[in-house]
Amino acid sequence: MKSFSIKDLLTKMTIQLQSLENKIDVIDERTKSYPKLYDNVDKLLMEVVENRQERTFIHSRLDNHEQRLGVLEKQF
């Protein structure tokens, strides 16, 4: 088994630490736009939900109108 001096170990640890810091910097750079993406996705999903709710409301009103028109057509 090869023995390392404390200086060698510290040098290796310093190199590894620098490598990790560089990787963290890359991750930070890649993910800095995520909050904007999340905000935009949230807005889009809210529009989808609102659209579905509106269609449901309009559908129920249309059904109601069709029933009323059916009653009127039967009377004439």
PDB file of N, CA and C in Angstrom:
ATOM      1  N   MET A   1       0.835  -1.170   0.000  1.00  0.00           N
ATOM      2  CA  MET A   1       0.000   0.000   0.000  1.00  0.00           C
ATOM      3  C   MET A   1       0.882   1.235   0.000  1.00  0.00           C
ATOM      4  N   LYS A   2       0.548   2.141  -0.884  1.00  0.00           N
ATOM      5  CA  LYS A   2       1.356   3.342  -1.044  1.00  0.00           C
ATOM      6  C   LYS A   2       0.930   4.382  -0.020  1.00  0.00           C
ATOM      7  N   SER A   3       1.903   4.990   0.635  1.00  0.00           N
ATOM      8  CA  SER A   3       1.568   6.030   1.614  1.00  0.00           C
ATOM      9  C   SER A   3       1.764   7.403   0.983  1.00  0.00           C
ATOM     10  N   PHE A   4       0.852   8.285   1.327  1.00  0.00           N
ATOM     11  CA  PHE A   4       0.910   9.651   0.812  1.00  0.00           C
ATOM     12  C   PHE A   4       1.271  10.596   1.939  1.00  0.00           C
ATOM     13  N   SER A   5       1.975  11.632   1.572  1.00  0.00           N
ATOM     14  CA  SER A   5       2.287  12.639   2.573  1.00  0.00           C
ATOM     15  C   SER A   5       1.062  13.544   2.753  1.00  0.00           C
ATOM     16  N   ILE A   6       1.053  14.244   3.817  1.00  0.00           N
ATOM     17  CA  ILE A   6      -0.067  15.159   4.087  1.00  0.00           C
ATOM     18  C   ILE A   6      -0.150  16.211   2.986  1.00  0.00           C
ATOM     19  N   LYS A   7       0.977  16.652   2.507  1.00  0.00           N
ATOM     20  CA  LYS A   7       1.005  17.652   1.441  1.00  0.00           C
ATOM     21  C   LYS A   7       0.342  17.086   0.180  1.00  0.00           C
ATOM     22  N   ASP A   8       0.662  15.831  -0.163  1.00  0.00           N
ATOM     23  CA  ASP A   8       0.053  15.204  -1.334  1.00  0.00           C
ATOM     24  C   ASP A   8      -1.463  15.076  -1.157  1.00  0.00           C
ATOM     25  N   LEU A   9      -1.875  14.657   0.008  1.00  0.00           N
ATOM     26  CA  LEU A   9      -3.308  14.518   0.274  1.00  0.00           C
ATOM     27  C   LEU A   9      -4.023  15.859   0.191  1.00  0.00           C
ATOM     28  N   LEU A  10      -3.417  16.890   0.767  1.00  0.00           N
ATOM     29  CA  LEU A  10      -4.022  18.219   0.707  1.00  0.00           C
ATOM     30  C   LEU A  10      -4.078  18.740  -0.729  1.00  0.00           C
ATOM     31  N   THR A  11      -3.055  18.458  -1.487  1.00  0.00           N
ATOM     32  CA  THR A  11      -3.046  18.881  -2.890  1.00  0.00           C
ATOM     33  C   THR A  11      -4.167  18.190  -3.659  1.00  0.00           C
ATOM     34  N   LYS A  12      -4.322  16.887  -3.454  1.00  0.00           N
ATOM     35  CA  LYS A  12      -5.398  16.145  -4.130  1.00  0.00           C
ATOM     36  C   LYS A  12      -6.771  16.645  -3.695  1.00  0.00           C
ATOM     37  N   MET A  13      -6.914  16.926  -2.419  1.00  0.00           N
ATOM     38  CA  MET A  13      -8.202  17.419  -1.922  1.00  0.00           C
ATOM     39  C   MET A  13      -8.511  18.807  -2.486  1.00  0.00           C
ATOM     40  N   THR A  14      -7.498  19.628  -2.613  1.00  0.00           N
ATOM     41  CA  THR A  14      -7.684  20.962  -3.174  1.00  0.00           C
ATOM     42  C   THR A  14      -8.118  20.869  -4.635  1.00  0.00           C
ATOM     43  N   ILE A  15      -7.501  19.978  -5.378  1.00  0.00           N
ATOM     44  CA  ILE A  15      -7.860  19.774  -6.782  1.00  0.00           C
ATOM     45  C   ILE A  15      -9.300  19.282  -6.891  1.00  0.00           C
ATOM     46  N   GLN A  16      -9.665  18.330  -6.035  1.00  0.00           N
ATOM     47  CA  GLN A  16     -11.040  17.817  -6.051  1.00  0.00           C
ATOM     48  C   GLN A  16     -12.043  18.897  -5.672  1.00  0.00           C
ATOM     49  N   LEU A  17     -11.698  19.718  -4.716  1.00  0.00           N
ATOM     50  CA  LEU A  17     -12.573  20.803  -4.288  1.00  0.00           C
ATOM     51  C   LEU A  17     -12.768  21.812  -5.419  1.00  0.00           C
ATOM     52  N   GLN A  18     -11.708  22.148  -6.111  1.00  0.00           N
ATOM     53  CA  GLN A  18     -11.815  23.065  -7.250  1.00  0.00           C
ATOM     54  C   GLN A  18     -12.683  22.464  -8.347  1.00  0.00           C
ATOM     55  N   SER A  19     -12.520  21.191  -8.574  1.00  0.00           N
ATOM     56  CA  SER A  19     -13.345  20.518  -9.575  1.00  0.00           C
ATOM     57  C   SER A  19     -14.823  20.573  -9.192  1.00  0.00           C
ATOM     58  N   LEU A  20     -15.113  20.315  -7.940  1.00  0.00           N
ATOM     59  CA  LEU A  20     -16.492  20.387  -7.457  1.00  0.00           C
ATOM     60  C   LEU A  20     -17.058  21.799  -7.571  1.00  0.00           C
ATOM     61  N   GLU A  21     -16.261  22.784  -7.235  1.00  0.00           N
ATOM     62  CA  GLU A  21     -16.711  24.177  -7.347  1.00  0.00           C
ATOM     63  C   GLU A  21     -17.012  24.530  -8.797  1.00  0.00           C
ATOM     64  N   ASN A  22     -16.186  24.046  -9.718  1.00  0.00           N
ATOM     65  CA  ASN A  22     -16.434  24.300 -11.140  1.00  0.00           C
ATOM     66  C   ASN A  22     -17.743  23.647 -11.587  1.00  0.00           C
ATOM     67  N   LYS A  23     -17.985  22.432 -11.104  1.00  0.00           N
ATOM     68  CA  LYS A  23     -19.227  21.744 -11.455  1.00  0.00           C
ATOM     69  C   LYS A  23     -20.438  22.480 -10.889  1.00  0.00           C
ATOM     70  N   ILE A  24     -20.313  22.996  -9.681  1.00  0.00           N
ATOM     71  CA  ILE A  24     -21.404  23.759  -9.074  1.00  0.00           C
ATOM     72  C   ILE A  24     -21.665  25.029  -9.877  1.00  0.00           C
ATOM     73  N   ASP A  25     -20.611  25.675 -10.337  1.00  0.00           N
ATOM     74  CA  ASP A  25     -20.771  26.873 -11.164  1.00  0.00           C
ATOM     75  C   ASP A  25     -21.518  26.551 -12.458  1.00  0.00           C
ATOM     76  N   VAL A  26     -21.189  25.426 -13.057  1.00  0.00           N
ATOM     77  CA  VAL A  26     -21.867  25.008 -14.283  1.00  0.00           C
ATOM     78  C   VAL A  26     -23.347  24.747 -14.001  1.00  0.00           C
ATOM     79  N   ILE A  27     -23.634  24.067 -12.914  1.00  0.00           N
ATOM     80  CA  ILE A  27     -25.029  23.790 -12.533  1.00  0.00           C
ATOM     81  C   ILE A  27     -25.767  25.097 -12.274  1.00  0.00           C
ATOM     82  N   ASP A  28     -25.152  26.018 -11.565  1.00  0.00           N
ATOM     83  CA  ASP A  28     -25.781  27.317 -11.300  1.00  0.00           C
ATOM     84  C   ASP A  28     -26.084  28.054 -12.607  1.00  0.00           C
ATOM     85  N   GLU A  29     -25.168  28.011 -13.527  1.00  0.00           N
ATOM     86  CA  GLU A  29     -25.366  28.694 -14.820  1.00  0.00           C
ATOM     87  C   GLU A  29     -26.510  28.059 -15.599  1.00  0.00           C
ATOM     88  N   ARG A  30     -26.588  26.735 -15.573  1.00  0.00           N
ATOM     89  CA  ARG A  30     -27.629  26.032 -16.321  1.00  0.00           C
ATOM     90  C   ARG A  30     -29.013  26.221 -15.702  1.00  0.00           C
ATOM     91  N   THR A  31     -29.065  26.392 -14.418  1.00  0.00           N
ATOM     92  CA  THR A  31     -30.362  26.447 -13.738  1.00  0.00           C
ATOM     93  C   THR A  31     -30.833  27.853 -13.395  1.00  0.00           C
ATOM     94  N   LYS A  32     -30.098  28.864 -13.775  1.00  0.00           N
ATOM     95  CA  LYS A  32     -30.491  30.222 -13.386  1.00  0.00           C
ATOM     96  C   LYS A  32     -31.794  30.666 -14.047  1.00  0.00           C
ATOM     97  N   SER A  33     -32.159  30.074 -15.163  1.00  0.00           N
ATOM     98  CA  SER A  33     -33.394  30.468 -15.827  1.00  0.00           C
ATOM     99  C   SER A  33     -34.603  29.653 -15.369  1.00  0.00           C
ATOM    100  N   TYR A  34     -34.436  28.701 -14.482  1.00  0.00           N
ATOM    101  CA  TYR A  34     -35.549  27.862 -14.023  1.00  0.00           C
ATOM    102  C   TYR A  34     -36.682  28.653 -13.366  1.00  0.00           C
ATOM    103  N   PRO A  35     -36.392  29.644 -12.511  1.00  0.00           N
ATOM    104  CA  PRO A  35     -37.525  30.385 -11.930  1.00  0.00           C
ATOM    105  C   PRO A  35     -38.422  31.023 -12.995  1.00  0.00           C
ATOM    106  N   LYS A  36     -37.829  31.581 -14.044  1.00  0.00           N
ATOM    107  CA  LYS A  36     -38.633  32.162 -15.126  1.00  0.00           C
ATOM    108  C   LYS A  36     -39.452  31.074 -15.811  1.00  0.00           C
ATOM    109  N   LEU A  37     -38.842  29.942 -16.030  1.00  0.00           N
ATOM    110  CA  LEU A  37     -39.545  28.833 -16.674  1.00  0.00           C
ATOM    111  C   LEU A  37     -40.727  28.404 -15.814  1.00  0.00           C
ATOM    112  N   TYR A  38     -40.515  28.258 -14.524  1.00  0.00           N
ATOM    113  CA  TYR A  38     -41.599  27.857 -13.627  1.00  0.00           C
ATOM    114  C   TYR A  38     -42.725  28.878 -13.639  1.00  0.00           C
ATOM    115  N   ASP A  39     -42.387  30.164 -13.634  1.00  0.00           N
ATOM    116  CA  ASP A  39     -43.414  31.206 -13.678  1.00  0.00           C
ATOM    117  C   ASP A  39     -44.231  31.115 -14.957  1.00  0.00           C
ATOM    118  N   ASN A  40     -43.555  30.915 -16.072  1.00  0.00           N
ATOM    119  CA  ASN A  40     -44.260  30.824 -17.353  1.00  0.00           C
ATOM    120  C   ASN A  40     -45.129  29.576 -17.443  1.00  0.00           C
ATOM    121  N   VAL A  41     -44.634  28.476 -16.923  1.00  0.00           N
ATOM    122  CA  VAL A  41     -45.423  27.242 -16.922  1.00  0.00           C
ATOM    123  C   VAL A  41     -46.649  27.422 -16.030  1.00  0.00           C
ATOM    124  N   ASP A  42     -46.472  28.065 -14.881  1.00  0.00           N
ATOM    125  CA  ASP A  42     -47.604  28.325 -13.991  1.00  0.00           C
ATOM    126  C   ASP A  42     -48.667  29.171 -14.684  1.00  0.00           C
ATOM    127  N   LYS A  43     -48.242  30.206 -15.378  1.00  0.00           N
ATOM    128  CA  LYS A  43     -49.191  31.064 -16.102  1.00  0.00           C
ATOM    129  C   LYS A  43     -49.934  30.276 -17.174  1.00  0.00           C
ATOM    130  N   LEU A  44     -49.202  29.457 -17.900  1.00  0.00           N
ATOM    131  CA  LEU A  44     -49.815  28.660 -18.954  1.00  0.00           C
ATOM    132  C   LEU A  44     -50.832  27.684 -18.370  1.00  0.00           C
ATOM    133  N   LEU A  45     -50.467  27.011 -17.304  1.00  0.00           N
ATOM    134  CA  LEU A  45     -51.380  26.055 -16.682  1.00  0.00           C
ATOM    135  C   LEU A  45     -52.616  26.745 -16.113  1.00  0.00           C
ATOM    136  N   MET A  46     -52.446  27.943 -15.572  1.00  0.00           N
ATOM    137  CA  MET A  46     -53.612  28.680 -15.084  1.00  0.00           C
ATOM    138  C   MET A  46     -54.560  29.006 -16.235  1.00  0.00           C
ATOM    139  N   GLU A  47     -54.016  29.380 -17.382  1.00  0.00           N
ATOM    140  CA  GLU A  47     -54.856  29.657 -18.546  1.00  0.00           C
ATOM    141  C   GLU A  47     -55.588  28.400 -19.002  1.00  0.00           C
ATOM    142  N   VAL A  48     -54.916  27.271 -18.971  1.00  0.00           N
ATOM    143  CA  VAL A  48     -55.550  26.013 -19.361  1.00  0.00           C
ATOM    144  C   VAL A  48     -56.701  25.693 -18.403  1.00  0.00           C
ATOM    145  N   VAL A  49     -56.446  25.842 -17.112  1.00  0.00           N
ATOM    146  CA  VAL A  49     -57.479  25.565 -16.111  1.00  0.00           C
ATOM    147  C   VAL A  49     -58.658  26.515 -16.289  1.00  0.00           C
ATOM    148  N   GLU A  50     -58.373  27.797 -16.468  1.00  0.00           N
ATOM    149  CA  GLU A  50     -59.445  28.782 -16.658  1.00  0.00           C
ATOM    150  C   GLU A  50     -60.247  28.476 -17.914  1.00  0.00           C
ATOM    151  N   ASN A  51     -59.549  28.075 -18.975  1.00  0.00           N
ATOM    152  CA  ASN A  51     -60.230  27.739 -20.226  1.00  0.00           C
ATOM    153  C   ASN A  51     -61.163  26.557 -20.025  1.00  0.00           C
ATOM    154  N   ARG A  52     -60.714  25.546 -19.323  1.00  0.00           N
ATOM    155  CA  ARG A  52     -61.556  24.369 -19.064  1.00  0.00           C
ATOM    156  C   ARG A  52     -62.763  24.735 -18.221  1.00  0.00           C
ATOM    157  N   GLN A  53     -62.561  25.576 -17.220  1.00  0.00           N
ATOM    158  CA  GLN A  53     -63.687  26.001 -16.384  1.00  0.00           C
ATOM    159  C   GLN A  53     -64.695  26.802 -17.203  1.00  0.00           C
ATOM    160  N   GLU A  54     -64.184  27.675 -18.055  1.00  0.00           N
ATOM    161  CA  GLU A  54     -65.074  28.485 -18.894  1.00  0.00           C
ATOM    162  C   GLU A  54     -65.851  27.608 -19.858  1.00  0.00           C
ATOM    163  N   ARG A  55     -65.205  26.625 -20.453  1.00  0.00           N
ATOM    164  CA  ARG A  55     -65.901  25.721 -21.375  1.00  0.00           C
ATOM    165  C   ARG A  55     -66.982  24.930 -20.653  1.00  0.00           C
ATOM    166  N   THR A  56     -66.702  24.509 -19.435  1.00  0.00           N
ATOM    167  CA  THR A  56     -67.702  23.786 -18.649  1.00  0.00           C
ATOM    168  C   THR A  56     -68.902  24.683 -18.370  1.00  0.00           C
ATOM    169  N   PHE A  57     -68.643  25.924 -17.994  1.00  0.00           N
ATOM    170  CA  PHE A  57     -69.710  26.878 -17.717  1.00  0.00           C
ATOM    171  C   PHE A  57     -70.540  27.143 -18.979  1.00  0.00           C
ATOM    172  N   ILE A  58     -69.862  27.378 -20.092  1.00  0.00           N
ATOM    173  CA  ILE A  58     -70.563  27.650 -21.355  1.00  0.00           C
ATOM    174  C   ILE A  58     -71.366  26.430 -21.786  1.00  0.00           C
ATOM    175  N   HIS A  59     -70.812  25.246 -21.593  1.00  0.00           N
ATOM    176  CA  HIS A  59     -71.524  24.020 -21.958  1.00  0.00           C
ATOM    177  C   HIS A  59     -72.826  23.888 -21.165  1.00  0.00           C
ATOM    178  N   SER A  60     -72.759  24.165 -19.866  1.00  0.00           N
ATOM    179  CA  SER A  60     -73.982  24.052 -19.056  1.00  0.00           C
ATOM    180  C   SER A  60     -75.015  25.098 -19.465  1.00  0.00           C
ATOM    181  N   ARG A  61     -74.555  26.306 -19.792  1.00  0.00           N
ATOM    182  CA  ARG A  61     -75.499  27.335 -20.254  1.00  0.00           C
ATOM    183  C   ARG A  61     -76.108  26.946 -21.590  1.00  0.00           C
ATOM    184  N   LEU A  62     -75.308  26.373 -22.479  1.00  0.00           N
ATOM    185  CA  LEU A  62     -75.810  25.949 -23.787  1.00  0.00           C
ATOM    186  C   LEU A  62     -76.843  24.836 -23.631  1.00  0.00           C
ATOM    187  N   ASP A  63     -76.581  23.892 -22.746  1.00  0.00           N
ATOM    188  CA  ASP A  63     -77.558  22.834 -22.477  1.00  0.00           C
ATOM    189  C   ASP A  63     -78.872  23.419 -21.971  1.00  0.00           C
ATOM    190  N   ASN A  64     -78.769  24.378 -21.079  1.00  0.00           N
ATOM    191  CA  ASN A  64     -79.956  25.024 -20.532  1.00  0.00           C
ATOM    192  C   ASN A  64     -80.744  25.712 -21.647  1.00  0.00           C
ATOM    193  N   HIS A  65     -80.049  26.414 -22.538  1.00  0.00           N
ATOM    194  CA  HIS A  65     -80.721  27.090 -23.659  1.00  0.00           C
ATOM    195  C   HIS A  65     -81.379  26.075 -24.592  1.00  0.00           C
ATOM    196  N   GLU A  66     -80.701  24.977 -24.850  1.00  0.00           N
ATOM    197  CA  GLU A  66     -81.271  23.952 -25.731  1.00  0.00           C
ATOM    198  C   GLU A  66     -82.549  23.373 -25.130  1.00  0.00           C
ATOM    199  N   GLN A  67     -82.542  23.141 -23.814  1.00  0.00           N
ATOM    200  CA  GLN A  67     -83.739  22.621 -23.159  1.00  0.00           C
ATOM    201  C   GLN A  67     -84.886  23.633 -23.246  1.00  0.00           C
ATOM    202  N   ARG A  68     -84.588  24.889 -23.017  1.00  0.00           N
ATOM    203  CA  ARG A  68     -85.633  25.917 -23.080  1.00  0.00           C
ATOM    204  C   ARG A  68     -86.175  26.063 -24.487  1.00  0.00           C
ATOM    205  N   LEU A  69     -85.287  25.992 -25.490  1.00  0.00           N
ATOM    206  CA  LEU A  69     -85.740  26.085 -26.883  1.00  0.00           C
ATOM    207  C   LEU A  69     -86.602  24.878 -27.236  1.00  0.00           C
ATOM    208  N   GLY A  70     -86.232  23.719 -26.721  1.00  0.00           N
ATOM    209  CA  GLY A  70     -87.037  22.514 -26.962  1.00  0.00           C
ATOM    210  C   GLY A  70     -88.449  22.669 -26.403  1.00  0.00           C
ATOM    211  N   VAL A  71     -88.552  23.237 -25.230  1.00  0.00           N
ATOM    212  CA  VAL A  71     -89.866  23.473 -24.617  1.00  0.00           C
ATOM    213  C   VAL A  71     -90.665  24.460 -25.480  1.00  0.00           C
ATOM    214  N   LEU A  72     -90.016  25.524 -25.927  1.00  0.00           N
ATOM    215  CA  LEU A  72     -90.715  26.505 -26.765  1.00  0.00           C
ATOM    216  C   LEU A  72     -91.147  25.901 -28.100  1.00  0.00           C
ATOM    217  N   GLU A  73     -90.289  25.086 -28.711  1.00  0.00           N
ATOM    218  CA  GLU A  73     -90.652  24.469 -29.997  1.00  0.00           C
ATOM    219  C   GLU A  73     -91.845  23.534 -29.845  1.00  0.00           C
ATOM    220  N   LYS A  74     -91.930  22.845 -28.738  1.00  0.00           N
ATOM    221  CA  LYS A  74     -93.071  21.959 -28.506  1.00  0.00           C
ATOM    222  C   LYS A  74     -94.374  22.731 -28.347  1.00  0.00           C
ATOM    223  N   GLN A  75     -94.290  23.941 -27.843  1.00  0.00           N
ATOM    224  CA  GLN A  75     -95.490  24.739 -27.640  1.00  0.00           C
ATOM    225  C   GLN A  75     -96.024  25.290 -28.959  1.00  0.00           C
ATOM    226  N   PHE A  76     -95.177  25.459 -29.930  1.00  0.00           N
ATOM    227  CA  PHE A  76     -95.644  26.044 -31.205  1.00  0.00           C
ATOM    228  C   PHE A  76     -95.745  25.026 -32.258  1.00  0.00           C
TER     229      PHE A  76
END
